Amino acid sequence: MGMLDGRVAIITGAGRGIGAETAKLFASEGAKIVVNDLGGAVDGSGAAAAPADEVVAAIRDAGGEAVANYSSVADYDAAEGIVKAALDNFGDLDIVVNTAGILRDRMVFNMTEAEWDAVLDVHLKGHFNLTKYASIHWRSERKGHYRLINFSSVSGIFGAPGQPNYAAAKMGIVGFTYSCANALGRYGATANAISPGASTRMTDTVPEERRRAGSNIGDSEEEDPQRSPANVAVPLVYIASEQSDWLNGQIVGASGYELQLFNKPAVIRQ
């Protein structure tokens, strides 16, 4: 018996990195997976079916159940179709993991409006789009044990220079998570956010992240195993399970073999 037996999950950005590892691990624990991935480049350009298809094939080869979806989470109408894919193929929806993301880094004084909008559309609006349609189903069914797992970042929490768009989106996701936690609990849903630390194709474009990983670009092809995106997927299994009803409205750091719990903002002087 797996921890997620019989549960249905949508995982966005599941064609690569943390999303792919999460999809495969959830499936190994018994979940049925909608593997959503546009298949674009790190900056969001382009599209390809191969990333999602390859993860679906890996899940099925291991005896699991999965279907691919290639929609952009930034497309409001398409988000309804992602939820419909879960309901049409598996008859229910228990878990949403909002992993999809892009980067268009630039210092604030050099950033274009298009670069700002593109990142907020995928990250912040993308979280809203899918959550809206998932929550409609949860509010209607009220079965309970529903899980919304969002993705924030220390870039937002601490304010990474050179990433004003990404930082704003990721801190916006913190507020969005708090709001959803307060709003959806009455329908049996919890909402939490992950602040991950892992070596992926997104973080590998950021020099500071490469330094934190203990390697310089071009110095070595060997990655620190602690930085594997598979490590981030492990605590998500518990958060997505029926056992985590008590955990709601929290920001959880997952980096390497460590977990952290972030304080909520508080008044420190008045």
C-alpha atoms as a PDB file:
ATOM      1  CA  MET A   1       0.000   0.000   0.000  1.00  0.00           C
ATOM      2  CA  GLY A   2       1.389   3.369  -1.027  1.00  0.00           C
ATOM      3  CA  MET A   3       0.811   6.612   0.848  1.00  0.00           C
ATOM      4  CA  LEU A   4      -1.138   8.022  -2.113  1.00  0.00           C
ATOM      5  CA  ASP A   5      -3.126   4.949  -3.197  1.00  0.00           C
ATOM      6  CA  GLY A   6      -6.245   5.927  -5.121  1.00  0.00           C
ATOM      7  CA  ARG A   7      -5.503   9.639  -5.094  1.00  0.00           C
ATOM      8  CA  VAL A   8      -5.436  11.768  -8.249  1.00  0.00           C
ATOM      9  CA  ALA A   9      -2.836  14.491  -8.730  1.00  0.00           C
ATOM     10  CA  ILE A  10      -2.157  17.232 -11.251  1.00  0.00           C
ATOM     11  CA  ILE A  11       1.509  18.209 -11.307  1.00  0.00           C
ATOM     12  CA  THR A  12       2.467  21.173 -13.465  1.00  0.00           C
ATOM     13  CA  GLY A  13       5.924  21.576 -14.926  1.00  0.00           C
ATOM     14  CA  ALA A  14       6.191  17.809 -14.547  1.00  0.00           C
ATOM     15  CA  GLY A  15       8.258  17.137 -17.653  1.00  0.00           C
ATOM     16  CA  ARG A  16      11.563  17.995 -16.014  1.00  0.00           C
ATOM     17  CA  GLY A  17      13.300  18.653 -12.709  1.00  0.00           C
ATOM     18  CA  ILE A  18      11.364  18.710  -9.453  1.00  0.00           C
ATOM     19  CA  GLY A  19       8.030  18.287 -11.227  1.00  0.00           C
ATOM     20  CA  ALA A  20       9.159  15.139 -13.034  1.00  0.00           C
ATOM     21  CA  GLU A  21      10.639  13.596  -9.892  1.00  0.00           C
ATOM     22  CA  THR A  22       7.467  14.414  -7.967  1.00  0.00           C
ATOM     23  CA  ALA A  23       5.246  12.861 -10.631  1.00  0.00           C
ATOM     24  CA  LYS A  24       7.244   9.637 -10.684  1.00  0.00           C
ATOM     25  CA  LEU A  25       7.436   9.361  -6.908  1.00  0.00           C
ATOM     26  CA  PHE A  26       3.725  10.100  -6.441  1.00  0.00           C
ATOM     27  CA  ALA A  27       2.902   7.419  -9.012  1.00  0.00           C
ATOM     28  CA  SER A  28       5.122   4.908  -7.213  1.00  0.00           C
ATOM     29  CA  GLU A  29       3.082   5.649  -4.071  1.00  0.00           C
ATOM     30  CA  GLY A  30      -0.166   4.830  -5.879  1.00  0.00           C
ATOM     31  CA  ALA A  31      -1.359   8.183  -7.215  1.00  0.00           C
ATOM     32  CA  LYS A  32      -2.801   8.666 -10.692  1.00  0.00           C
ATOM     33  CA  ILE A  33      -1.034  11.564 -12.357  1.00  0.00           C
ATOM     34  CA  VAL A  34      -1.810  14.267 -14.895  1.00  0.00           C
ATOM     35  CA  VAL A  35       1.676  15.186 -16.107  1.00  0.00           C
ATOM     36  CA  ASN A  36       1.336  18.785 -17.266  1.00  0.00           C
ATOM     37  CA  ASP A  37       4.191  20.458 -19.115  1.00  0.00           C
ATOM     38  CA  LEU A  38       4.244  22.927 -21.994  1.00  0.00           C
ATOM     39  CA  GLY A  39       7.707  21.669 -22.892  1.00  0.00           C
ATOM     40  CA  GLY A  40       9.215  25.097 -23.415  1.00  0.00           C
ATOM     41  CA  ALA A  41      12.636  26.573 -22.755  1.00  0.00           C
ATOM     42  CA  VAL A  42      13.709  28.009 -19.395  1.00  0.00           C
ATOM     43  CA  ASP A  43      12.506  31.447 -20.529  1.00  0.00           C
ATOM     44  CA  GLY A  44       9.094  30.040 -21.473  1.00  0.00           C
ATOM     45  CA  SER A  45       9.586  30.143 -25.225  1.00  0.00           C
ATOM     46  CA  GLY A  46       8.654  27.244 -27.472  1.00  0.00           C
ATOM     47  CA  ALA A  47       6.721  24.069 -26.750  1.00  0.00           C
ATOM     48  CA  ALA A  48       7.256  20.329 -27.078  1.00  0.00           C
ATOM     49  CA  ALA A  49       5.333  17.206 -26.127  1.00  0.00           C
ATOM     50  CA  ALA A  50       8.412  15.082 -25.426  1.00  0.00           C
ATOM     51  CA  PRO A  51       9.113  16.098 -21.785  1.00  0.00           C
ATOM     52  CA  ALA A  52       5.612  15.226 -20.548  1.00  0.00           C
ATOM     53  CA  ASP A  53       5.414  12.135 -22.753  1.00  0.00           C
ATOM     54  CA  GLU A  54       8.704  10.782 -21.425  1.00  0.00           C
ATOM     55  CA  VAL A  55       7.577  11.104 -17.811  1.00  0.00           C
ATOM     56  CA  VAL A  56       4.251   9.438 -18.600  1.00  0.00           C
ATOM     57  CA  ALA A  57       6.102   6.584 -20.301  1.00  0.00           C
ATOM     58  CA  ALA A  58       8.390   6.153 -17.288  1.00  0.00           C
ATOM     59  CA  ILE A  59       5.412   6.023 -14.929  1.00  0.00           C
ATOM     60  CA  ARG A  60       3.560   3.503 -17.069  1.00  0.00           C
ATOM     61  CA  ASP A  61       6.673   1.362 -17.518  1.00  0.00           C
ATOM     62  CA  ALA A  62       6.892   1.173 -13.725  1.00  0.00           C
ATOM     63  CA  GLY A  63       3.265   0.040 -13.502  1.00  0.00           C
ATOM     64  CA  GLY A  64       1.681   3.382 -12.659  1.00  0.00           C
ATOM     65  CA  GLU A  65      -1.115   5.415 -14.228  1.00  0.00           C
ATOM     66  CA  ALA A  66      -0.536   8.759 -15.917  1.00  0.00           C
ATOM     67  CA  VAL A  67      -1.681  10.942 -18.798  1.00  0.00           C
ATOM     68  CA  ALA A  68       0.066  13.880 -20.426  1.00  0.00           C
ATOM     69  CA  ASN A  69      -1.233  17.424 -20.759  1.00  0.00           C
ATOM     70  CA  TYR A  70       0.629  20.098 -22.711  1.00  0.00           C
ATOM     71  CA  SER A  71      -1.281  23.268 -21.763  1.00  0.00           C
ATOM     72  CA  SER A  72       0.298  26.454 -20.460  1.00  0.00           C
ATOM     73  CA  VAL A  73      -0.702  27.224 -16.884  1.00  0.00           C
ATOM     74  CA  ALA A  74      -0.600  30.908 -17.841  1.00  0.00           C
ATOM     75  CA  ASP A  75      -3.638  30.339 -20.089  1.00  0.00           C
ATOM     76  CA  TYR A  76      -6.742  30.917 -17.941  1.00  0.00           C
ATOM     77  CA  ASP A  77      -9.082  28.886 -20.136  1.00  0.00           C
ATOM     78  CA  ALA A  78      -6.579  26.067 -20.620  1.00  0.00           C
ATOM     79  CA  ALA A  79      -6.319  25.646 -16.843  1.00  0.00           C
ATOM     80  CA  GLU A  80      -9.912  24.469 -16.776  1.00  0.00           C
ATOM     81  CA  GLY A  81      -8.928  21.837 -19.333  1.00  0.00           C
ATOM     82  CA  ILE A  82      -6.097  20.606 -17.104  1.00  0.00           C
ATOM     83  CA  VAL A  83      -8.584  19.940 -14.302  1.00  0.00           C
ATOM     84  CA  LYS A  84     -10.953  18.352 -16.806  1.00  0.00           C
ATOM     85  CA  ALA A  85      -8.142  15.993 -17.875  1.00  0.00           C
ATOM     86  CA  ALA A  86      -7.961  14.658 -14.320  1.00  0.00           C
ATOM     87  CA  LEU A  87     -11.714  14.265 -14.013  1.00  0.00           C
ATOM     88  CA  ASP A  88     -12.179  12.707 -17.456  1.00  0.00           C
ATOM     89  CA  ASN A  89      -9.307  10.237 -17.130  1.00  0.00           C
ATOM     90  CA  PHE A  90      -9.396   9.376 -13.438  1.00  0.00           C
ATOM     91  CA  GLY A  91     -12.783  10.551 -12.167  1.00  0.00           C
ATOM     92  CA  ASP A  92     -11.546  12.823  -9.399  1.00  0.00           C
ATOM     93  CA  LEU A  93      -8.924  15.337  -8.281  1.00  0.00           C
ATOM     94  CA  ASP A  94      -7.302  15.280  -4.853  1.00  0.00           C
ATOM     95  CA  ILE A  95      -3.941  17.001  -5.244  1.00  0.00           C
ATOM     96  CA  VAL A  96      -2.589  19.985  -7.173  1.00  0.00           C
ATOM     97  CA  VAL A  97       1.159  20.630  -7.237  1.00  0.00           C
ATOM     98  CA  ASN A  98       1.985  23.971  -8.881  1.00  0.00           C
ATOM     99  CA  THR A  99       5.579  23.399  -9.972  1.00  0.00           C
ATOM    100  CA  ALA A 100       5.651  25.058 -13.418  1.00  0.00           C
ATOM    101  CA  GLY A 101       7.963  28.026 -13.772  1.00  0.00           C
ATOM    102  CA  ILE A 102      10.202  30.070 -16.044  1.00  0.00           C
ATOM    103  CA  LEU A 103      13.014  32.582 -15.612  1.00  0.00           C
ATOM    104  CA  ARG A 104      13.709  35.880 -17.352  1.00  0.00           C
ATOM    105  CA  ASP A 105      16.326  37.395 -15.076  1.00  0.00           C
ATOM    106  CA  ARG A 106      17.520  40.977 -15.335  1.00  0.00           C
ATOM    107  CA  MET A 107      18.283  43.822 -12.961  1.00  0.00           C
ATOM    108  CA  VAL A 108      15.231  45.943 -12.236  1.00  0.00           C
ATOM    109  CA  PHE A 109      16.586  48.966 -14.140  1.00  0.00           C
ATOM    110  CA  ASN A 110      17.078  46.826 -17.268  1.00  0.00           C
ATOM    111  CA  MET A 111      13.948  44.683 -17.091  1.00  0.00           C
ATOM    112  CA  THR A 112      11.341  45.047 -19.824  1.00  0.00           C
ATOM    113  CA  GLU A 113       7.604  44.988 -19.317  1.00  0.00           C
ATOM    114  CA  ALA A 114       7.429  41.763 -21.343  1.00  0.00           C
ATOM    115  CA  GLU A 115       9.985  40.065 -19.077  1.00  0.00           C
ATOM    116  CA  TRP A 116       8.083  41.144 -15.985  1.00  0.00           C
ATOM    117  CA  ASP A 117       4.714  40.043 -17.336  1.00  0.00           C
ATOM    118  CA  ALA A 118       5.891  36.674 -18.657  1.00  0.00           C
ATOM    119  CA  VAL A 119       7.276  35.522 -15.310  1.00  0.00           C
ATOM    120  CA  LEU A 120       4.285  36.706 -13.286  1.00  0.00           C
ATOM    121  CA  ASP A 121       1.915  35.122 -15.801  1.00  0.00           C
ATOM    122  CA  VAL A 122       3.448  31.666 -15.416  1.00  0.00           C
ATOM    123  CA  HIS A 123       4.190  31.728 -11.698  1.00  0.00           C
ATOM    124  CA  LEU A 124       1.588  33.867  -9.958  1.00  0.00           C
ATOM    125  CA  LYS A 125      -1.246  33.840 -12.472  1.00  0.00           C
ATOM    126  CA  GLY A 126      -0.512  30.193 -13.257  1.00  0.00           C
ATOM    127  CA  HIS A 127      -0.989  29.287  -9.599  1.00  0.00           C
ATOM    128  CA  PHE A 128      -4.293  31.161  -9.547  1.00  0.00           C
ATOM    129  CA  ASN A 129      -5.587  29.708 -12.806  1.00  0.00           C
ATOM    130  CA  LEU A 130      -5.258  26.051 -11.872  1.00  0.00           C
ATOM    131  CA  THR A 131      -6.192  26.554  -8.216  1.00  0.00           C
ATOM    132  CA  LYS A 132      -9.389  28.328  -9.186  1.00  0.00           C
ATOM    133  CA  TYR A 133     -10.693  25.414 -11.235  1.00  0.00           C
ATOM    134  CA  ALA A 134      -9.466  22.779  -8.778  1.00  0.00           C
ATOM    135  CA  SER A 135     -11.156  24.589  -5.900  1.00  0.00           C
ATOM    136  CA  ILE A 136     -14.457  24.694  -7.782  1.00  0.00           C
ATOM    137  CA  HIS A 137     -14.389  20.890  -7.869  1.00  0.00           C
ATOM    138  CA  TRP A 138     -13.340  20.619  -4.227  1.00  0.00           C
ATOM    139  CA  ARG A 139     -16.058  23.026  -3.089  1.00  0.00           C
ATOM    140  CA  SER A 140     -18.648  21.028  -5.010  1.00  0.00           C
ATOM    141  CA  GLU A 141     -17.572  17.567  -3.848  1.00  0.00           C
ATOM    142  CA  ARG A 142     -16.330  18.299  -0.288  1.00  0.00           C
ATOM    143  CA  LYS A 143     -14.808  14.822   0.014  1.00  0.00           C
ATOM    144  CA  GLY A 144     -11.925  16.150   2.083  1.00  0.00           C
ATOM    145  CA  HIS A 145      -8.178  15.516   2.247  1.00  0.00           C
ATOM    146  CA  TYR A 146      -7.613  17.834  -0.726  1.00  0.00           C
ATOM    147  CA  ARG A 147      -4.100  19.194  -1.106  1.00  0.00           C
ATOM    148  CA  LEU A 148      -2.831  22.370  -2.749  1.00  0.00           C
ATOM    149  CA  ILE A 149       0.978  22.440  -2.869  1.00  0.00           C
ATOM    150  CA  ASN A 150       2.387  25.687  -4.225  1.00  0.00           C
ATOM    151  CA  PHE A 151       5.978  26.592  -5.048  1.00  0.00           C
ATOM    152  CA  SER A 152       7.619  29.674  -3.585  1.00  0.00           C
ATOM    153  CA  SER A 153      11.346  30.383  -3.347  1.00  0.00           C
ATOM    154  CA  VAL A 154      13.975  31.972  -1.129  1.00  0.00           C
ATOM    155  CA  SER A 155      14.397  34.358  -4.064  1.00  0.00           C
ATOM    156  CA  GLY A 156      11.055  35.835  -3.079  1.00  0.00           C
ATOM    157  CA  ILE A 157      11.313  35.415   0.670  1.00  0.00           C
ATOM    158  CA  PHE A 158      14.705  37.136   0.856  1.00  0.00           C
ATOM    159  CA  GLY A 159      14.631  39.165  -2.380  1.00  0.00           C
ATOM    160  CA  ALA A 160      17.170  37.926  -4.913  1.00  0.00           C
ATOM    161  CA  PRO A 161      18.860  40.727  -6.894  1.00  0.00           C
ATOM    162  CA  GLY A 162      18.522  40.368 -10.625  1.00  0.00           C
ATOM    163  CA  GLN A 163      15.194  38.571 -10.237  1.00  0.00           C
ATOM    164  CA  PRO A 164      12.627  41.276  -9.397  1.00  0.00           C
ATOM    165  CA  ASN A 165       9.921  39.577 -11.478  1.00  0.00           C
ATOM    166  CA  TYR A 166      10.616  36.100 -10.076  1.00  0.00           C
ATOM    167  CA  ALA A 167      10.968  37.388  -6.502  1.00  0.00           C
ATOM    168  CA  ALA A 168       7.701  39.313  -6.723  1.00  0.00           C
ATOM    169  CA  ALA A 169       5.873  36.290  -8.123  1.00  0.00           C
ATOM    170  CA  LYS A 170       7.280  33.908  -5.532  1.00  0.00           C
ATOM    171  CA  MET A 171       6.458  36.175  -2.599  1.00  0.00           C
ATOM    172  CA  GLY A 172       3.037  36.731  -4.119  1.00  0.00           C
ATOM    173  CA  ILE A 173       2.589  32.959  -4.033  1.00  0.00           C
ATOM    174  CA  VAL A 174       3.223  33.059  -0.270  1.00  0.00           C
ATOM    175  CA  GLY A 175       0.310  35.457   0.188  1.00  0.00           C
ATOM    176  CA  PHE A 176      -1.797  33.427  -2.226  1.00  0.00           C
ATOM    177  CA  THR A 177      -1.063  30.289  -0.197  1.00  0.00           C
ATOM    178  CA  TYR A 178      -2.076  31.951   3.066  1.00  0.00           C
ATOM    179  CA  SER A 179      -5.311  33.136   1.453  1.00  0.00           C
ATOM    180  CA  CYS A 180      -6.143  29.694   0.060  1.00  0.00           C
ATOM    181  CA  ALA A 181      -5.356  28.043   3.402  1.00  0.00           C
ATOM    182  CA  ASN A 182      -7.835  30.343   5.120  1.00  0.00           C
ATOM    183  CA  ALA A 183     -10.492  30.036   2.422  1.00  0.00           C
ATOM    184  CA  LEU A 184     -10.468  26.355   1.466  1.00  0.00           C
ATOM    185  CA  GLY A 185     -10.196  24.652   4.838  1.00  0.00           C
ATOM    186  CA  ARG A 186     -13.981  24.577   5.204  1.00  0.00           C
ATOM    187  CA  TYR A 187     -14.112  22.399   2.077  1.00  0.00           C
ATOM    188  CA  GLY A 188     -11.545  19.913   3.342  1.00  0.00           C
ATOM    189  CA  ALA A 189      -8.526  21.355   1.535  1.00  0.00           C
ATOM    190  CA  THR A 190      -5.129  22.398   2.843  1.00  0.00           C
ATOM    191  CA  ALA A 191      -2.753  24.818   1.141  1.00  0.00           C
ATOM    192  CA  ASN A 192       0.986  24.907   1.757  1.00  0.00           C
ATOM    193  CA  ALA A 193       3.980  26.199  -0.183  1.00  0.00           C
ATOM    194  CA  ILE A 194       7.396  24.689  -0.770  1.00  0.00           C
ATOM    195  CA  SER A 195      10.588  26.717  -0.981  1.00  0.00           C
ATOM    196  CA  PRO A 196      12.855  24.228  -2.750  1.00  0.00           C
ATOM    197  CA  GLY A 197      16.594  23.960  -3.053  1.00  0.00           C
ATOM    198  CA  ALA A 198      17.754  21.709  -5.881  1.00  0.00           C
ATOM    199  CA  SER A 199      19.912  21.669  -8.971  1.00  0.00           C
ATOM    200  CA  THR A 200      17.647  21.972 -12.006  1.00  0.00           C
ATOM    201  CA  ARG A 201      17.938  23.531 -15.445  1.00  0.00           C
ATOM    202  CA  MET A 202      16.329  26.691 -14.003  1.00  0.00           C
ATOM    203  CA  THR A 203      18.686  27.112 -11.059  1.00  0.00           C
ATOM    204  CA  ASP A 204      21.678  26.184 -13.190  1.00  0.00           C
ATOM    205  CA  THR A 205      21.189  29.446 -15.095  1.00  0.00           C
ATOM    206  CA  VAL A 206      21.705  31.415 -11.875  1.00  0.00           C
ATOM    207  CA  PRO A 207      25.376  31.815 -10.835  1.00  0.00           C
ATOM    208  CA  GLU A 208      24.544  32.245  -7.143  1.00  0.00           C
ATOM    209  CA  GLU A 209      22.625  28.992  -7.133  1.00  0.00           C
ATOM    210  CA  ARG A 210      25.554  27.222  -8.743  1.00  0.00           C
ATOM    211  CA  ARG A 211      27.849  28.507  -6.007  1.00  0.00           C
ATOM    212  CA  ARG A 212      25.460  27.263  -3.347  1.00  0.00           C
ATOM    213  CA  ALA A 213      25.555  23.861  -5.027  1.00  0.00           C
ATOM    214  CA  GLY A 214      29.311  23.836  -4.458  1.00  0.00           C
ATOM    215  CA  SER A 215      30.342  23.870  -8.099  1.00  0.00           C
ATOM    216  CA  ASN A 216      31.308  26.416 -10.715  1.00  0.00           C
ATOM    217  CA  ILE A 217      29.972  26.262 -14.237  1.00  0.00           C
ATOM    218  CA  GLY A 218      32.331  24.209 -16.347  1.00  0.00           C
ATOM    219  CA  ASP A 219      34.415  22.901 -13.433  1.00  0.00           C
ATOM    220  CA  SER A 220      32.763  19.513 -13.047  1.00  0.00           C
ATOM    221  CA  GLU A 221      29.986  17.446 -14.526  1.00  0.00           C
ATOM    222  CA  GLU A 222      29.371  15.814 -11.141  1.00  0.00           C
ATOM    223  CA  GLU A 223      26.440  17.208  -9.159  1.00  0.00           C
ATOM    224  CA  ASP A 224      26.122  17.182  -5.382  1.00  0.00           C
ATOM    225  CA  PRO A 225      23.604  14.382  -4.649  1.00  0.00           C
ATOM    226  CA  GLN A 226      22.049  16.537  -1.954  1.00  0.00           C
ATOM    227  CA  ARG A 227      20.971  18.921  -4.703  1.00  0.00           C
ATOM    228  CA  SER A 228      19.014  16.269  -6.595  1.00  0.00           C
ATOM    229  CA  PRO A 229      15.432  17.369  -7.341  1.00  0.00           C
ATOM    230  CA  ALA A 230      14.351  13.897  -6.191  1.00  0.00           C
ATOM    231  CA  ASN A 231      15.068  14.996  -2.610  1.00  0.00           C
ATOM    232  CA  VAL A 232      12.469  17.769  -2.842  1.00  0.00           C
ATOM    233  CA  ALA A 233       9.834  15.277  -4.005  1.00  0.00           C
ATOM    234  CA  VAL A 234      10.134  13.104  -0.890  1.00  0.00           C
ATOM    235  CA  PRO A 235       8.425  15.410   1.670  1.00  0.00           C
ATOM    236  CA  LEU A 236       5.765  16.253  -0.903  1.00  0.00           C
ATOM    237  CA  VAL A 237       4.472  12.683  -0.664  1.00  0.00           C
ATOM    238  CA  TYR A 238       3.623  13.209   2.991  1.00  0.00           C
ATOM    239  CA  ILE A 239       2.154  16.672   2.418  1.00  0.00           C
ATOM    240  CA  ALA A 240      -0.033  15.244  -0.370  1.00  0.00           C
ATOM    241  CA  SER A 241      -1.202  12.301   1.729  1.00  0.00           C
ATOM    242  CA  GLU A 242      -4.333  12.056   3.864  1.00  0.00           C
ATOM    243  CA  GLN A 243      -2.106  12.018   6.955  1.00  0.00           C
ATOM    244  CA  SER A 244      -1.201  15.714   6.677  1.00  0.00           C
ATOM    245  CA  ASP A 245      -4.585  17.267   7.490  1.00  0.00           C
ATOM    246  CA  TRP A 246      -2.941  19.160  10.367  1.00  0.00           C
ATOM    247  CA  LEU A 247      -0.502  21.013   8.089  1.00  0.00           C
ATOM    248  CA  ASN A 248      -2.079  24.101   6.554  1.00  0.00           C
ATOM    249  CA  GLY A 249      -0.947  27.583   5.606  1.00  0.00           C
ATOM    250  CA  GLN A 250       2.752  26.852   6.024  1.00  0.00           C
ATOM    251  CA  ILE A 251       5.877  27.610   4.003  1.00  0.00           C
ATOM    252  CA  VAL A 252       8.174  24.587   4.076  1.00  0.00           C
ATOM    253  CA  GLY A 253      11.771  24.711   2.915  1.00  0.00           C
ATOM    254  CA  ALA A 254      13.061  21.532   1.282  1.00  0.00           C
ATOM    255  CA  SER A 255      16.728  21.538   0.358  1.00  0.00           C
ATOM    256  CA  GLY A 256      18.960  18.511   0.114  1.00  0.00           C
ATOM    257  CA  TYR A 257      18.284  16.275   3.090  1.00  0.00           C
ATOM    258  CA  GLU A 258      16.877  19.068   5.249  1.00  0.00           C
ATOM    259  CA  LEU A 259      13.439  20.542   5.888  1.00  0.00           C
ATOM    260  CA  GLN A 260      12.754  24.008   7.268  1.00  0.00           C
ATOM    261  CA  LEU A 261       9.603  25.705   8.496  1.00  0.00           C
ATOM    262  CA  PHE A 262       9.406  29.453   7.852  1.00  0.00           C
ATOM    263  CA  ASN A 263       7.871  31.883  10.331  1.00  0.00           C
ATOM    264  CA  LYS A 264       4.859  33.829   9.202  1.00  0.00           C
ATOM    265  CA  PRO A 265       5.333  37.620   9.056  1.00  0.00           C
ATOM    266  CA  ALA A 266       4.828  39.207  12.448  1.00  0.00           C
ATOM    267  CA  VAL A 267       4.836  42.685  13.938  1.00  0.00           C
ATOM    268  CA  ILE A 268       8.145  43.113  15.769  1.00  0.00           C
ATOM    269  CA  ARG A 269       7.752  46.735  16.906  1.00  0.00           C
ATOM    270  CA  GLN A 270       4.795  49.027  17.424  1.00  0.00           C
END
